[in-house]
Amino acid sequence: TVPQSQSQSQQRALHLMIKIMAQMKNENVGLPDKWVFLELVESMVRMQWTRHVLKLVEVMNELRYTLDAAIYSALLTALTKHYGDLDTAYNALGAIQPAGGEHKTVTVAAATSTGTATIRSRKNSLLLNCSVKPESKRKKFYETIKELQNRFSSTFPGRCIVVQQKCPMCGAAVH
């Protein structure tokens, strides 16, 4: 088993990673490559955190990350280890609300060894670190010269920027 202090450190690292991914989205930098998410799922399995995999899926949905076949395969493998069978894992993964859903609580029906179903409901603490701004509120990655001039003028009233369309050193056209 993992010592309590190491487990808490790993949890903080996971929450920090989610916060950084949300910031990347808000800054319009993009999201990490697929392999980062695959490694994250596989790490959660190695650390025996499979009960948190569905929370990660909700975060990925919130970030509007497109889940492909490789990620679904890794998720189903992790959830099958957690629930004990593929059908329950598949149903649990399918029960996740799409991004922008009404609520952030997922109810999962899992079959027990006696054949009866147990219902569990959980809140997602990872979403506390996943504050994604609406598209209109995110930083623009690229601004035209006119947009930059307007932003400068609004920041410094009464002032303006004159942009020449050629390089002052060599005289070449600037695009």
Protein backbone atom coordinates (compact mmCIF):
# COMPACT_ATOMS: atom_id res chain seq x y z
CA THR A 1 0.00 0.00 0.00
CA VAL A 2 1.00 3.62 -0.52
CA PRO A 3 1.84 5.70 2.58
CA GLN A 4 -0.72 8.40 3.44
CA SER A 5 1.67 11.33 2.78
CA GLN A 6 2.66 9.94 -0.63
CA SER A 7 -0.99 9.38 -1.55
CA GLN A 8 -1.86 12.97 -0.61
CA SER A 9 1.09 14.22 -2.66
CA GLN A 10 -0.11 12.19 -5.66
CA GLN A 11 -3.64 13.58 -5.25
CA ARG A 12 -2.29 17.15 -5.18
CA ALA A 13 -0.25 16.42 -8.31
CA LEU A 14 -3.35 15.10 -10.10
CA HIS A 15 -5.39 18.17 -9.13
CA LEU A 16 -2.54 20.43 -10.27
CA MET A 17 -2.35 18.64 -13.61
CA ILE A 18 -6.10 19.18 -14.16
CA LYS A 19 -5.72 22.85 -13.23
CA ILE A 20 -2.86 23.27 -15.72
CA MET A 21 -4.87 21.60 -18.50
CA ALA A 22 -7.81 23.94 -17.82
CA GLN A 23 -5.44 26.92 -17.95
CA MET A 24 -4.03 25.65 -21.25
CA LYS A 25 -7.57 25.53 -22.62
CA ASN A 26 -8.37 29.01 -21.31
CA GLU A 27 -5.16 30.44 -22.78
CA ASN A 28 -5.98 28.84 -26.16
CA VAL A 29 -2.70 26.96 -26.11
CA GLY A 30 -4.46 23.66 -26.77
CA LEU A 31 -4.60 20.45 -24.79
CA PRO A 32 -1.91 17.85 -24.16
CA ASP A 33 -1.45 15.08 -26.69
CA LYS A 34 -3.37 11.82 -26.45
CA TRP A 35 -0.43 10.01 -24.87
CA VAL A 36 -0.63 12.28 -21.78
CA PHE A 37 -4.20 11.16 -21.15
CA LEU A 38 -3.30 7.52 -21.85
CA GLU A 39 -0.41 7.70 -19.38
CA LEU A 40 -2.67 9.35 -16.84
CA VAL A 41 -5.24 6.53 -17.11
CA GLU A 42 -2.52 3.87 -16.92
CA SER A 43 -0.94 5.62 -13.92
CA MET A 44 -4.31 5.66 -12.16
CA VAL A 45 -4.53 1.88 -12.68
CA ARG A 46 -0.99 1.34 -11.33
CA MET A 47 -1.77 3.49 -8.27
CA GLN A 48 -5.04 1.60 -7.77
CA TRP A 49 -7.10 4.75 -8.37
CA THR A 50 -9.44 3.09 -10.85
CA ARG A 51 -12.41 4.41 -8.86
CA HIS A 52 -11.37 7.91 -10.03
CA VAL A 53 -11.17 7.12 -13.75
CA LEU A 54 -14.76 8.24 -14.37
CA LYS A 55 -13.91 11.56 -12.75
CA LEU A 56 -11.09 11.96 -15.25
CA VAL A 57 -13.53 11.26 -18.11
CA GLU A 58 -15.80 14.03 -16.82
CA VAL A 59 -12.81 16.40 -16.77
CA MET A 60 -11.87 15.39 -20.33
CA ASN A 61 -15.48 16.10 -21.40
CA GLU A 62 -15.40 19.47 -19.65
CA LEU A 63 -12.19 20.32 -21.50
CA ARG A 64 -13.96 19.26 -24.74
CA TYR A 65 -11.25 16.67 -25.38
CA THR A 66 -12.19 14.22 -28.13
CA LEU A 67 -11.98 10.66 -26.86
CA ASP A 68 -10.71 8.28 -29.52
CA ALA A 69 -10.55 4.46 -29.72
CA ALA A 70 -7.20 4.22 -27.90
CA ILE A 71 -8.43 6.30 -24.97
CA TYR A 72 -11.75 4.41 -24.80
CA SER A 73 -9.81 1.14 -24.79
CA ALA A 74 -7.59 2.30 -21.91
CA LEU A 75 -10.62 3.59 -19.99
CA LEU A 76 -12.56 0.34 -20.48
CA THR A 77 -9.54 -1.69 -19.36
CA ALA A 78 -9.23 0.38 -16.18
CA LEU A 79 -12.96 0.29 -15.46
CA THR A 80 -13.13 -3.46 -16.10
CA LYS A 81 -10.44 -3.93 -13.43
CA HIS A 82 -12.47 -1.76 -11.07
CA TYR A 83 -15.95 -3.21 -11.66
CA GLY A 84 -14.91 -6.76 -12.47
CA ASP A 85 -16.66 -7.12 -15.84
CA LEU A 86 -16.72 -5.38 -19.19
CA ASP A 87 -20.52 -4.84 -19.35
CA THR A 88 -20.60 -2.82 -16.14
CA ALA A 89 -17.50 -0.87 -17.21
CA TYR A 90 -19.10 -0.08 -20.56
CA ASN A 91 -22.37 1.04 -18.91
CA ALA A 92 -20.52 3.19 -16.35
CA LEU A 93 -18.52 4.91 -19.09
CA GLY A 94 -21.70 5.46 -21.13
CA ALA A 95 -23.47 7.01 -18.13
CA ILE A 96 -21.15 10.02 -18.06
CA GLN A 97 -22.96 13.26 -18.88
CA PRO A 98 -21.58 15.04 -21.95
CA ALA A 99 -19.91 18.41 -21.44
CA GLY A 100 -22.37 21.09 -20.43
CA GLY A 101 -24.72 18.54 -18.86
CA GLU A 102 -27.20 19.45 -16.15
CA HIS A 103 -25.33 17.92 -13.22
CA LYS A 104 -21.91 16.71 -12.17
CA THR A 105 -23.05 13.62 -10.28
CA VAL A 106 -22.90 10.19 -11.85
CA THR A 107 -24.94 7.26 -10.63
CA VAL A 108 -23.54 3.84 -11.43
CA ALA A 109 -25.37 0.55 -11.08
CA ALA A 110 -22.87 -2.25 -10.49
CA ALA A 111 -23.66 -5.93 -10.23
CA THR A 112 -22.45 -7.59 -7.04
CA SER A 113 -21.38 -11.20 -6.59
CA THR A 114 -24.90 -12.06 -5.36
CA GLY A 115 -26.48 -10.70 -8.53
CA THR A 116 -28.16 -7.70 -6.89
CA ALA A 117 -27.39 -4.19 -8.00
CA THR A 118 -25.87 -1.49 -5.85
CA ILE A 119 -26.30 2.16 -6.68
CA ARG A 120 -23.52 4.59 -5.96
CA SER A 121 -23.46 8.30 -6.50
CA ARG A 122 -20.35 10.46 -6.40
CA LYS A 123 -19.34 14.07 -6.81
CA ASN A 124 -16.30 14.96 -8.88
CA SER A 125 -13.67 16.85 -6.89
CA LEU A 126 -11.43 17.05 -9.98
CA LEU A 127 -13.94 19.41 -11.63
CA LEU A 128 -13.21 21.97 -8.90
CA ASN A 129 -9.85 22.49 -10.63
CA CYS A 130 -11.30 22.46 -14.13
CA SER A 131 -12.72 25.92 -14.63
CA VAL A 132 -13.06 26.30 -18.40
CA LYS A 133 -14.07 29.72 -19.66
CA PRO A 134 -16.60 30.13 -22.46
CA GLU A 135 -15.02 30.51 -25.91
CA SER A 136 -15.74 34.26 -25.98
CA LYS A 137 -13.87 34.81 -22.67
CA ARG A 138 -10.70 32.90 -23.59
CA LYS A 139 -7.54 34.68 -24.63
CA LYS A 140 -6.99 34.93 -28.33
CA PHE A 141 -3.89 33.20 -29.58
CA TYR A 142 -3.53 35.58 -32.51
CA GLU A 143 -4.70 39.17 -32.93
CA THR A 144 -4.62 41.20 -36.11
CA ILE A 145 -2.76 44.50 -36.20
CA LYS A 146 -6.09 46.34 -36.09
CA GLU A 147 -7.17 44.37 -32.99
CA LEU A 148 -3.85 45.16 -31.28
CA GLN A 149 -4.21 48.86 -32.15
CA ASN A 150 -7.77 48.93 -30.77
CA ARG A 151 -6.70 47.17 -27.56
CA PHE A 152 -3.79 49.60 -27.11
CA SER A 153 -6.09 52.61 -27.63
CA SER A 154 -8.64 51.27 -25.15
CA THR A 155 -5.90 50.57 -22.57
CA PHE A 156 -4.23 53.96 -23.07
CA PRO A 157 -7.01 56.45 -23.95
CA GLY A 158 -5.90 59.27 -26.23
CA ARG A 159 -2.90 57.31 -27.49
CA CYS A 160 -2.47 55.25 -30.61
CA ILE A 161 0.08 53.00 -32.21
CA VAL A 162 1.29 53.57 -35.74
CA VAL A 163 2.35 50.36 -37.40
CA GLN A 164 4.45 50.57 -40.50
CA GLN A 165 4.05 47.85 -43.07
CA LYS A 166 7.78 47.55 -43.76
CA CYS A 167 10.81 46.69 -41.68
CA PRO A 168 12.68 49.82 -40.57
CA MET A 169 16.04 48.01 -40.89
CA CYS A 170 15.82 46.37 -44.32
CA GLY A 171 12.71 47.90 -45.83
CA ALA A 172 11.12 44.48 -46.50
CA ALA A 173 7.33 44.22 -46.35
CA VAL A 174 5.94 42.99 -43.01
CA HIS A 175 2.88 40.75 -43.17
